[in-house]
N, C-alpha and C. Protein backbone atom coordinates (compact mmCIF):
# COMPACT_ATOMS: atom_id res chain seq x y z
N UNK A 1 131.51 137.79 36.64
CA UNK A 1 130.32 138.36 36.86
C UNK A 1 130.18 139.69 36.05
N UNK A 2 129.05 139.77 35.35
CA UNK A 2 128.83 141.02 34.47
C UNK A 2 128.76 142.34 35.28
N UNK A 3 129.12 143.31 34.61
CA UNK A 3 129.07 144.71 35.17
C UNK A 3 127.66 145.21 35.29
N UNK A 4 127.25 145.67 36.47
CA UNK A 4 125.92 146.36 36.59
C UNK A 4 126.08 147.74 36.97
N UNK A 5 125.77 148.64 35.96
CA UNK A 5 125.94 150.06 36.21
C UNK A 5 124.90 150.45 37.31
N UNK A 6 125.24 151.53 38.06
CA UNK A 6 124.25 152.02 39.05
C UNK A 6 122.97 152.47 38.33
N UNK A 7 121.84 152.47 38.91
CA UNK A 7 120.49 152.91 38.41
C UNK A 7 120.62 154.36 38.00
N UNK A 8 119.60 154.95 37.33
CA UNK A 8 119.52 156.27 36.93
C UNK A 8 119.36 157.11 38.20
N UNK A 9 120.17 158.29 38.28
CA UNK A 9 119.97 159.03 39.43
C UNK A 9 118.61 159.61 39.76
N UNK A 10 117.86 159.94 38.65
CA UNK A 10 116.56 160.69 38.82
C UNK A 10 115.62 159.76 39.66
N UNK A 11 115.75 158.53 39.71
CA UNK A 11 114.76 157.69 40.49
C UNK A 11 115.25 157.33 41.86
N UNK A 12 116.32 157.98 42.31
CA UNK A 12 116.92 157.54 43.61
C UNK A 12 116.81 158.68 44.60
N UNK A 13 116.70 158.39 45.85
CA UNK A 13 116.80 159.49 46.93
C UNK A 13 118.21 159.52 47.32
N UNK A 14 118.52 160.55 48.07
CA UNK A 14 119.97 160.88 48.56
C UNK A 14 120.43 159.72 49.31
N UNK A 15 119.59 159.15 50.18
CA UNK A 15 120.10 158.00 50.99
C UNK A 15 120.41 156.78 50.11
N UNK A 16 119.62 156.58 49.12
CA UNK A 16 119.98 155.42 48.08
C UNK A 16 121.25 155.78 47.44
N UNK A 17 121.33 157.00 46.93
CA UNK A 17 122.70 157.38 46.27
C UNK A 17 123.91 157.21 47.24
N UNK A 18 123.67 157.58 48.42
CA UNK A 18 124.74 157.55 49.37
C UNK A 18 125.14 156.08 49.73
N UNK A 19 124.16 155.22 49.75
CA UNK A 19 124.34 153.75 49.96
C UNK A 19 125.18 153.21 48.79
N UNK A 20 124.94 153.57 47.51
CA UNK A 20 125.60 153.15 46.38
C UNK A 20 127.02 153.65 46.37
N UNK A 21 127.31 154.88 46.81
CA UNK A 21 128.59 155.39 47.00
C UNK A 21 129.33 154.56 47.99
N UNK A 22 128.78 154.24 49.08
CA UNK A 22 129.49 153.55 50.24
C UNK A 22 129.80 152.10 49.77
N UNK A 23 128.94 151.60 48.89
CA UNK A 23 129.24 150.16 48.37
C UNK A 23 130.51 150.06 47.71
N UNK A 24 130.77 151.11 46.89
CA UNK A 24 132.02 151.02 46.00
C UNK A 24 133.25 150.89 46.80
N UNK A 25 133.87 149.81 46.65
CA UNK A 25 135.17 149.59 47.34
C UNK A 25 136.39 149.87 46.41
N UNK A 26 137.07 150.95 46.74
CA UNK A 26 138.24 151.34 46.06
C UNK A 26 139.53 150.90 46.56
N UNK A 27 140.59 150.58 45.85
CA UNK A 27 141.88 150.17 46.28
C UNK A 27 142.39 151.23 47.25
N UNK A 28 143.09 150.85 48.25
CA UNK A 28 143.58 151.86 49.25
C UNK A 28 144.93 152.41 48.70
N UNK A 29 144.94 153.12 47.64
CA UNK A 29 146.17 153.64 47.03
C UNK A 29 146.95 154.66 48.02
N UNK A 30 146.20 155.28 48.87
CA UNK A 30 146.82 156.22 49.83
C UNK A 30 147.81 155.45 50.79
N UNK A 31 147.60 154.28 51.01
CA UNK A 31 148.45 153.50 51.80
C UNK A 31 149.55 152.69 51.19
N UNK A 32 149.68 152.76 49.90
CA UNK A 32 150.69 151.95 49.17
C UNK A 32 151.88 153.03 49.00
N UNK A 33 153.08 152.36 49.12
CA UNK A 33 154.39 153.19 48.92
C UNK A 33 155.21 152.35 47.84
N UNK A 34 154.77 152.47 46.55
CA UNK A 34 155.54 151.76 45.61
C UNK A 34 156.94 152.46 45.51
N UNK A 35 157.96 151.36 45.19
CA UNK A 35 159.29 151.81 44.95
C UNK A 35 159.68 152.20 43.53
N UNK A 36 158.80 151.75 42.58
CA UNK A 36 159.14 152.03 41.16
C UNK A 36 158.23 153.20 40.73
N UNK A 37 158.89 154.27 40.26
CA UNK A 37 158.15 155.37 39.72
C UNK A 37 158.50 155.42 38.11
N UNK A 38 157.51 155.68 37.39
CA UNK A 38 157.72 155.61 35.98
C UNK A 38 156.56 156.29 35.09
N UNK A 39 156.64 156.10 33.91
CA UNK A 39 155.62 156.79 32.95
C UNK A 39 154.61 155.69 32.53
N UNK A 40 153.36 155.97 32.43
CA UNK A 40 152.20 155.06 32.10
C UNK A 40 152.01 155.02 30.55
N UNK A 41 152.53 156.16 29.84
CA UNK A 41 152.25 156.36 28.44
C UNK A 41 150.75 156.41 28.22
N UNK A 42 150.02 157.03 29.13
CA UNK A 42 148.54 157.12 29.07
C UNK A 42 148.25 158.71 29.13
N UNK A 43 147.10 159.00 28.52
CA UNK A 43 146.58 160.36 28.38
C UNK A 43 145.11 160.22 28.67
N UNK A 44 144.58 161.19 29.45
CA UNK A 44 143.12 161.31 29.57
C UNK A 44 142.81 162.58 28.79
N UNK A 45 142.10 162.52 27.67
CA UNK A 45 141.85 163.76 26.96
C UNK A 45 140.78 164.63 27.66
N UNK A 46 140.71 165.82 27.12
CA UNK A 46 139.72 166.79 27.70
C UNK A 46 138.28 166.35 27.64
N UNK A 47 137.95 165.39 26.65
CA UNK A 47 136.56 164.92 26.62
C UNK A 47 136.37 163.53 27.36
N UNK A 48 137.39 163.20 28.12
CA UNK A 48 137.29 162.00 29.06
C UNK A 48 137.69 160.69 28.45
N UNK A 49 138.18 160.77 27.11
CA UNK A 49 138.72 159.50 26.49
C UNK A 49 140.07 159.22 26.97
N UNK A 50 140.29 157.94 27.35
CA UNK A 50 141.64 157.39 27.92
C UNK A 50 142.34 156.92 26.72
N UNK A 51 143.69 157.22 26.58
CA UNK A 51 144.56 156.76 25.59
C UNK A 51 145.75 156.03 26.18
N UNK A 52 146.23 154.98 25.47
CA UNK A 52 147.49 154.36 25.84
C UNK A 52 148.35 154.38 24.67
N UNK A 53 149.57 154.87 24.65
CA UNK A 53 150.39 154.86 23.52
C UNK A 53 149.81 155.36 22.32
N UNK A 54 148.98 156.48 22.45
CA UNK A 54 148.24 156.98 21.31
C UNK A 54 146.96 156.49 20.78
N UNK A 55 146.64 155.20 21.29
CA UNK A 55 145.34 154.63 20.80
C UNK A 55 144.29 154.66 22.05
N UNK A 56 143.12 154.89 21.56
CA UNK A 56 142.16 155.02 22.68
C UNK A 56 141.83 153.61 23.49
N UNK A 57 141.56 153.63 24.60
CA UNK A 57 141.19 152.43 25.55
C UNK A 57 139.75 152.28 25.24
N UNK A 58 139.37 151.26 24.55
CA UNK A 58 137.93 151.07 24.24
C UNK A 58 137.22 150.24 25.24
N UNK A 59 137.88 149.46 26.08
CA UNK A 59 137.21 148.56 27.05
C UNK A 59 136.87 149.46 28.26
N UNK A 60 135.57 149.72 28.52
CA UNK A 60 135.09 150.52 29.55
C UNK A 60 135.57 149.95 30.90
N UNK A 61 135.54 148.64 31.01
CA UNK A 61 136.04 147.99 32.38
C UNK A 61 137.56 148.33 32.62
N UNK A 62 138.35 148.50 31.70
CA UNK A 62 139.76 148.88 31.83
C UNK A 62 139.83 150.33 32.37
N UNK A 63 138.98 151.23 31.73
CA UNK A 63 139.02 152.66 32.19
C UNK A 63 138.54 152.68 33.56
N UNK A 64 137.57 151.93 34.00
CA UNK A 64 136.96 151.96 35.39
C UNK A 64 138.08 151.47 36.26
N UNK A 65 138.68 150.44 35.89
CA UNK A 65 139.77 149.88 36.77
C UNK A 65 141.00 150.89 37.01
N UNK A 66 141.41 151.33 35.99
CA UNK A 66 142.47 152.40 36.07
C UNK A 66 142.02 153.63 36.83
N UNK A 67 140.74 154.08 36.64
CA UNK A 67 140.17 155.29 37.28
C UNK A 67 140.17 155.00 38.92
N UNK A 68 140.11 153.71 39.26
CA UNK A 68 140.05 153.49 40.80
C UNK A 68 141.49 153.42 41.35
N UNK A 69 142.56 153.58 40.46
CA UNK A 69 143.88 153.66 40.94
C UNK A 69 144.52 155.11 40.85
N UNK A 70 143.71 156.01 40.31
CA UNK A 70 144.18 157.33 39.99
C UNK A 70 144.06 158.31 41.19
N UNK A 71 145.18 159.16 41.25
CA UNK A 71 145.38 160.14 42.26
C UNK A 71 146.11 161.37 41.70
N UNK A 72 145.92 162.47 42.30
CA UNK A 72 146.51 163.69 41.93
C UNK A 72 147.27 164.24 43.18
N UNK A 73 148.65 164.54 42.94
CA UNK A 73 149.47 165.10 44.12
C UNK A 73 149.18 166.47 44.37
N UNK A 74 149.87 167.07 45.31
CA UNK A 74 149.66 168.49 45.64
C UNK A 74 150.29 169.42 44.62
N UNK A 75 151.15 168.90 43.79
CA UNK A 75 151.80 169.66 42.67
C UNK A 75 150.90 169.64 41.48
N UNK A 76 149.83 168.83 41.46
CA UNK A 76 148.96 168.74 40.30
C UNK A 76 149.22 167.73 39.31
N UNK A 77 150.24 166.76 39.70
CA UNK A 77 150.50 165.68 38.75
C UNK A 77 149.54 164.49 39.03
N UNK A 78 149.18 163.82 37.96
CA UNK A 78 148.25 162.62 38.16
C UNK A 78 149.07 161.37 38.13
N UNK A 79 148.74 160.48 38.89
CA UNK A 79 149.45 159.19 38.92
C UNK A 79 148.45 157.91 39.01
N UNK A 80 148.91 156.90 38.41
CA UNK A 80 148.29 155.65 38.52
C UNK A 80 149.22 154.81 39.57
N UNK A 81 148.49 154.38 40.61
CA UNK A 81 149.19 153.84 41.83
C UNK A 81 148.84 152.45 42.01
N UNK A 82 149.90 151.48 42.09
CA UNK A 82 149.64 150.06 42.51
C UNK A 82 150.61 149.93 43.73
N UNK A 83 150.40 148.74 44.29
CA UNK A 83 151.45 148.52 45.37
C UNK A 83 152.90 148.42 44.98
N UNK A 84 153.06 148.27 43.65
CA UNK A 84 154.54 148.11 43.12
C UNK A 84 155.00 149.22 42.27
N UNK A 85 154.07 150.01 41.75
CA UNK A 85 154.44 151.08 40.77
C UNK A 85 153.58 152.36 40.94
N UNK A 86 154.21 153.41 40.66
CA UNK A 86 153.59 154.69 40.63
C UNK A 86 153.95 155.37 39.25
N UNK A 87 152.87 155.39 38.38
CA UNK A 87 153.11 155.71 36.96
C UNK A 87 152.39 157.07 36.68
N UNK A 88 153.09 157.99 36.01
CA UNK A 88 152.49 159.40 35.75
C UNK A 88 151.58 159.03 34.59
N UNK A 89 150.49 159.92 34.57
CA UNK A 89 149.54 159.90 33.57
C UNK A 89 149.17 161.30 33.16
N UNK A 90 149.10 161.70 31.95
CA UNK A 90 148.92 163.04 31.49
C UNK A 90 147.43 163.17 31.44
N UNK A 91 146.85 164.28 32.06
CA UNK A 91 145.45 164.63 32.13
C UNK A 91 145.40 166.00 31.53
N UNK A 92 144.68 166.05 30.25
CA UNK A 92 144.61 167.47 29.56
C UNK A 92 143.67 168.41 30.42
N UNK A 93 142.58 168.00 30.96
CA UNK A 93 141.79 168.93 31.73
C UNK A 93 141.42 168.45 33.10
N UNK A 94 140.50 167.50 33.19
CA UNK A 94 140.02 166.88 34.42
C UNK A 94 140.16 165.37 34.22
N UNK A 95 140.30 164.63 35.34
CA UNK A 95 140.44 163.13 35.27
C UNK A 95 139.09 162.52 34.86
N UNK A 96 138.01 163.19 35.24
CA UNK A 96 136.73 162.58 35.05
C UNK A 96 135.77 163.67 34.29
N UNK A 97 134.73 163.17 33.78
CA UNK A 97 133.71 164.05 33.23
C UNK A 97 132.36 163.66 33.97
N UNK A 98 131.70 164.73 34.52
CA UNK A 98 130.37 164.57 35.20
C UNK A 98 129.36 164.47 33.96
N UNK A 99 128.54 163.49 33.88
CA UNK A 99 127.70 163.27 32.79
C UNK A 99 126.22 163.37 33.11
N UNK A 100 125.85 163.48 34.36
CA UNK A 100 124.48 163.67 34.86
C UNK A 100 124.43 164.33 36.23
N UNK A 101 123.42 164.97 36.51
CA UNK A 101 123.24 165.70 37.81
C UNK A 101 121.75 165.58 38.13
N UNK A 102 121.62 165.51 39.40
CA UNK A 102 120.17 165.52 39.97
C UNK A 102 120.13 166.06 41.28
N UNK A 103 119.05 166.83 41.63
CA UNK A 103 118.84 167.21 43.06
C UNK A 103 118.15 166.08 43.78
N UNK A 104 118.74 165.56 44.78
CA UNK A 104 118.05 164.63 45.54
C UNK A 104 118.10 164.96 47.03
N UNK A 105 116.81 165.30 47.49
CA UNK A 105 116.75 165.70 48.89
C UNK A 105 117.47 167.07 48.97
N UNK A 106 118.49 167.07 49.91
CA UNK A 106 119.21 168.32 50.14
C UNK A 106 120.57 168.20 49.42
N UNK A 107 120.87 167.29 48.66
CA UNK A 107 122.02 167.11 47.98
C UNK A 107 122.07 167.13 46.40
N UNK A 108 123.23 167.42 45.87
CA UNK A 108 123.25 167.37 44.41
C UNK A 108 124.17 166.18 44.06
N UNK A 109 123.65 165.19 43.35
CA UNK A 109 124.33 163.97 43.02
C UNK A 109 124.73 163.96 41.55
N UNK A 110 125.85 163.48 41.22
CA UNK A 110 126.51 163.43 39.88
C UNK A 110 126.93 162.02 39.51
N UNK A 111 126.70 161.67 38.29
CA UNK A 111 127.18 160.49 37.72
C UNK A 111 128.52 160.88 36.91
N UNK A 112 129.53 160.05 37.03
CA UNK A 112 130.67 160.43 36.17
C UNK A 112 130.76 159.48 34.90
N UNK A 113 131.70 159.81 34.00
CA UNK A 113 131.83 158.89 32.79
C UNK A 113 132.37 157.52 33.15
N UNK A 114 132.67 157.23 34.37
CA UNK A 114 133.16 155.99 34.85
C UNK A 114 132.08 155.30 35.57
N UNK A 115 130.90 155.77 35.65
CA UNK A 115 129.77 155.34 36.41
C UNK A 115 129.88 155.64 37.82
N UNK A 116 130.94 156.20 38.34
CA UNK A 116 131.13 156.54 39.72
C UNK A 116 129.90 157.59 40.09
N UNK A 117 129.43 157.57 41.29
CA UNK A 117 128.46 158.52 41.83
C UNK A 117 129.16 159.31 42.93
N UNK A 118 128.90 160.67 42.78
CA UNK A 118 129.51 161.56 43.78
C UNK A 118 128.45 162.59 44.27
N UNK A 119 128.38 162.75 45.48
CA UNK A 119 127.32 163.73 46.16
C UNK A 119 128.14 164.94 46.56
N UNK A 120 127.86 166.09 45.87
CA UNK A 120 128.58 167.36 46.22
C UNK A 120 128.28 167.72 47.68
N UNK A 121 129.30 168.22 48.25
CA UNK A 121 129.14 168.66 49.69
C UNK A 121 130.58 169.19 50.23
N UNK A 122 130.75 169.19 51.57
CA UNK A 122 131.99 169.59 52.11
C UNK A 122 133.21 168.84 51.61
N UNK A 123 133.08 167.59 51.49
CA UNK A 123 134.27 166.72 50.96
C UNK A 123 134.23 166.64 49.38
N UNK A 124 133.32 167.08 48.66
CA UNK A 124 133.28 167.02 47.27
C UNK A 124 132.68 168.39 46.63
N UNK A 125 133.52 169.33 46.79
CA UNK A 125 133.22 170.72 46.41
C UNK A 125 133.03 170.83 44.85
N UNK A 126 132.23 171.79 44.61
CA UNK A 126 132.03 172.27 43.25
C UNK A 126 132.97 173.46 43.07
N UNK A 127 133.72 173.66 42.00
CA UNK A 127 134.55 174.89 41.78
C UNK A 127 134.21 175.44 40.49
N UNK A 128 133.98 176.74 40.41
CA UNK A 128 133.80 177.45 39.23
C UNK A 128 134.98 178.06 38.62
N UNK A 129 135.32 177.73 37.35
CA UNK A 129 136.56 178.26 36.72
C UNK A 129 136.10 178.92 35.33
N UNK A 130 137.24 179.23 34.52
CA UNK A 130 136.93 179.77 33.25
C UNK A 130 136.48 181.20 33.35
N UNK A 131 135.76 181.59 32.38
CA UNK A 131 135.25 183.03 32.38
C UNK A 131 133.78 183.07 32.33
N UNK A 132 133.28 184.31 32.43
CA UNK A 132 131.72 184.45 32.38
C UNK A 132 131.18 183.95 31.11
N UNK A 133 131.91 184.22 29.98
CA UNK A 133 131.38 183.75 28.81
C UNK A 133 131.60 182.28 28.49
N UNK A 134 132.60 181.70 29.07
CA UNK A 134 132.98 180.30 28.97
C UNK A 134 133.27 179.60 30.27
N UNK A 135 132.22 179.51 31.06
CA UNK A 135 132.47 178.98 32.41
C UNK A 135 132.80 177.48 32.37
N UNK A 136 133.45 176.98 33.33
CA UNK A 136 133.85 175.63 33.60
C UNK A 136 133.53 175.26 35.01
N UNK A 137 132.76 174.20 35.25
CA UNK A 137 132.57 173.80 36.61
C UNK A 137 133.25 172.43 36.85
N UNK A 138 133.80 172.28 38.01
CA UNK A 138 134.49 171.05 38.38
C UNK A 138 133.98 170.62 39.72
N UNK A 139 134.00 169.20 39.83
CA UNK A 139 133.52 168.59 40.99
C UNK A 139 134.71 167.85 41.67
N UNK A 140 135.04 168.12 42.89
CA UNK A 140 136.13 167.20 43.59
C UNK A 140 135.58 165.79 43.70
N UNK A 141 136.33 164.84 43.12
CA UNK A 141 135.90 163.51 43.21
C UNK A 141 136.56 162.77 44.34
N UNK A 142 137.90 162.52 44.25
CA UNK A 142 138.56 161.80 45.33
C UNK A 142 140.06 161.95 45.04
N UNK A 143 140.87 161.71 46.08
CA UNK A 143 142.32 161.78 45.91
C UNK A 143 142.97 162.93 45.12
N UNK A 144 142.36 164.07 45.25
CA UNK A 144 142.71 165.19 44.53
C UNK A 144 142.25 165.27 43.06
N UNK A 145 141.57 164.29 42.59
CA UNK A 145 141.13 164.25 41.11
C UNK A 145 139.83 165.06 41.13
N UNK A 146 139.50 165.69 39.98
CA UNK A 146 138.18 166.39 39.68
C UNK A 146 137.56 165.86 38.49
N UNK A 147 136.23 166.27 38.42
CA UNK A 147 135.45 165.94 37.26
C UNK A 147 134.99 167.16 36.67
N UNK A 148 135.16 167.44 35.37
CA UNK A 148 134.57 168.65 34.78
C UNK A 148 133.13 168.32 34.30
N UNK A 149 132.22 169.20 34.53
CA UNK A 149 130.75 168.99 34.15
C UNK A 149 130.75 169.16 32.68
N UNK A 150 130.19 168.23 31.97
CA UNK A 150 129.98 168.36 30.53
C UNK A 150 128.80 169.46 30.19
N UNK A 151 128.65 169.76 29.00
CA UNK A 151 127.70 170.83 28.74
C UNK A 151 126.32 170.52 29.24
N UNK A 152 125.90 169.28 29.00
CA UNK A 152 124.49 168.90 29.43
C UNK A 152 124.33 168.85 30.93
N UNK A 153 125.37 168.41 31.70
CA UNK A 153 125.34 168.38 33.02
C UNK A 153 125.37 169.83 33.66
N UNK A 154 126.14 170.59 33.02
CA UNK A 154 126.30 172.05 33.50
C UNK A 154 124.90 172.66 33.29
N UNK A 155 124.20 172.39 32.24
CA UNK A 155 122.79 172.76 32.00
C UNK A 155 121.84 172.32 33.00
N UNK A 156 121.93 171.02 33.25
CA UNK A 156 121.09 170.55 34.28
C UNK A 156 121.30 171.22 35.65
N UNK A 157 122.53 171.49 35.98
CA UNK A 157 122.86 172.13 37.26
C UNK A 157 122.21 173.64 37.26
N UNK A 158 122.41 174.23 36.11
CA UNK A 158 121.93 175.59 35.88
C UNK A 158 120.39 175.63 36.15
N UNK A 159 119.61 174.65 35.45
CA UNK A 159 118.29 174.56 35.65
C UNK A 159 117.84 174.33 37.14
N UNK A 160 118.60 173.47 37.71
CA UNK A 160 118.30 173.33 39.24
C UNK A 160 118.49 174.60 39.95
N UNK A 161 119.55 175.29 39.64
CA UNK A 161 119.82 176.60 40.29
C UNK A 161 118.74 177.61 40.09
N UNK A 162 118.36 177.71 38.79
CA UNK A 162 117.27 178.60 38.46
C UNK A 162 116.01 178.33 39.20
N UNK A 163 115.58 177.02 39.20
CA UNK A 163 114.35 176.57 39.93
C UNK A 163 114.43 176.97 41.49
N UNK A 164 115.59 177.03 41.96
CA UNK A 164 115.86 177.27 43.37
C UNK A 164 116.06 178.83 43.67
N UNK A 165 115.98 179.60 42.62
CA UNK A 165 116.15 181.09 42.84
C UNK A 165 117.57 181.55 42.75
N UNK A 166 118.42 180.85 42.02
CA UNK A 166 119.88 181.25 41.94
C UNK A 166 120.01 182.65 41.50
N UNK A 167 119.31 183.24 40.61
CA UNK A 167 119.41 184.61 40.27
C UNK A 167 119.29 185.52 41.32
N UNK A 168 118.60 185.19 42.38
CA UNK A 168 118.33 186.02 43.54
C UNK A 168 119.49 185.89 44.72
N UNK A 169 120.19 184.79 44.55
CA UNK A 169 121.24 184.63 45.64
C UNK A 169 122.69 184.49 45.16
N UNK A 170 122.96 185.22 44.00
CA UNK A 170 124.29 185.32 43.45
C UNK A 170 124.73 184.04 42.74
N UNK A 171 123.78 183.37 42.21
CA UNK A 171 124.06 182.10 41.44
C UNK A 171 124.87 181.14 42.41
N UNK A 172 124.30 180.82 43.50
CA UNK A 172 124.83 179.84 44.53
C UNK A 172 123.88 178.63 44.46
N UNK A 173 124.46 177.54 44.69
CA UNK A 173 123.71 176.25 44.97
C UNK A 173 124.28 175.57 46.18
N UNK A 174 123.38 174.92 46.85
CA UNK A 174 123.78 174.16 48.04
C UNK A 174 123.60 172.69 47.98
N UNK A 175 124.39 171.99 48.60
CA UNK A 175 124.42 170.52 48.62
C UNK A 175 125.01 170.06 50.02
N UNK A 176 124.19 169.32 50.74
CA UNK A 176 124.56 168.70 51.95
C UNK A 176 125.23 169.71 52.86
N UNK A 177 124.56 170.97 52.87
CA UNK A 177 125.07 171.96 53.89
C UNK A 177 126.17 172.81 53.31
N UNK A 178 126.76 172.61 52.15
CA UNK A 178 127.87 173.47 51.56
C UNK A 178 127.17 174.31 50.55
N UNK A 179 127.64 175.49 50.41
CA UNK A 179 127.22 176.40 49.27
C UNK A 179 128.34 176.56 48.31
N UNK A 180 128.02 176.64 46.98
CA UNK A 180 128.96 176.77 45.89
C UNK A 180 128.43 177.74 44.83
N UNK A 181 129.39 178.58 44.43
CA UNK A 181 129.20 179.58 43.40
C UNK A 181 129.23 178.89 42.05
N UNK A 182 128.29 179.36 41.13
CA UNK A 182 128.31 178.78 39.83
C UNK A 182 128.99 179.70 38.86
N UNK A 183 129.48 180.91 39.34
CA UNK A 183 130.11 181.81 38.60
C UNK A 183 131.72 181.90 38.92
N UNK A 184 132.44 181.94 37.76
CA UNK A 184 133.90 182.12 38.01
C UNK A 184 134.36 183.39 38.69
């Protein structure tokens, strides 16, 4: 069956985005206890490119499949988890890149470089890092992993914030009842 990416965020309501998020069935890696622990020889570069043994993984379906198996532990180490193996994976910055953002009703919805959709809120917080001159914004995705907002997505979010009076409220945005600072 051919892959059908989710529709453009701009044309969807928050309820439609939430339904698409709920439709995505991810493997239950949290319940697996693999006995073999090793090295995957994989790297996720800061720009979101996945590499295996030094070469880029060009098949987007493979990246999406691996991304569904990804988790980050409390020590900050990233792992690819299957029922049989737990393999370390090097992540240069964030495991995902947020590539699109839209205000939908009272939520902020994001599309990731893996076509995952995430709605910011209490379970998917936005975190400001970096410096005032070079800010970096991150979105909590799942299993401890984050997405860094790329430049255009950061600009989209800043435009939403400006339209909603962010300069008057300390550069805060709200999504699904949670407030987030856009300043590090």
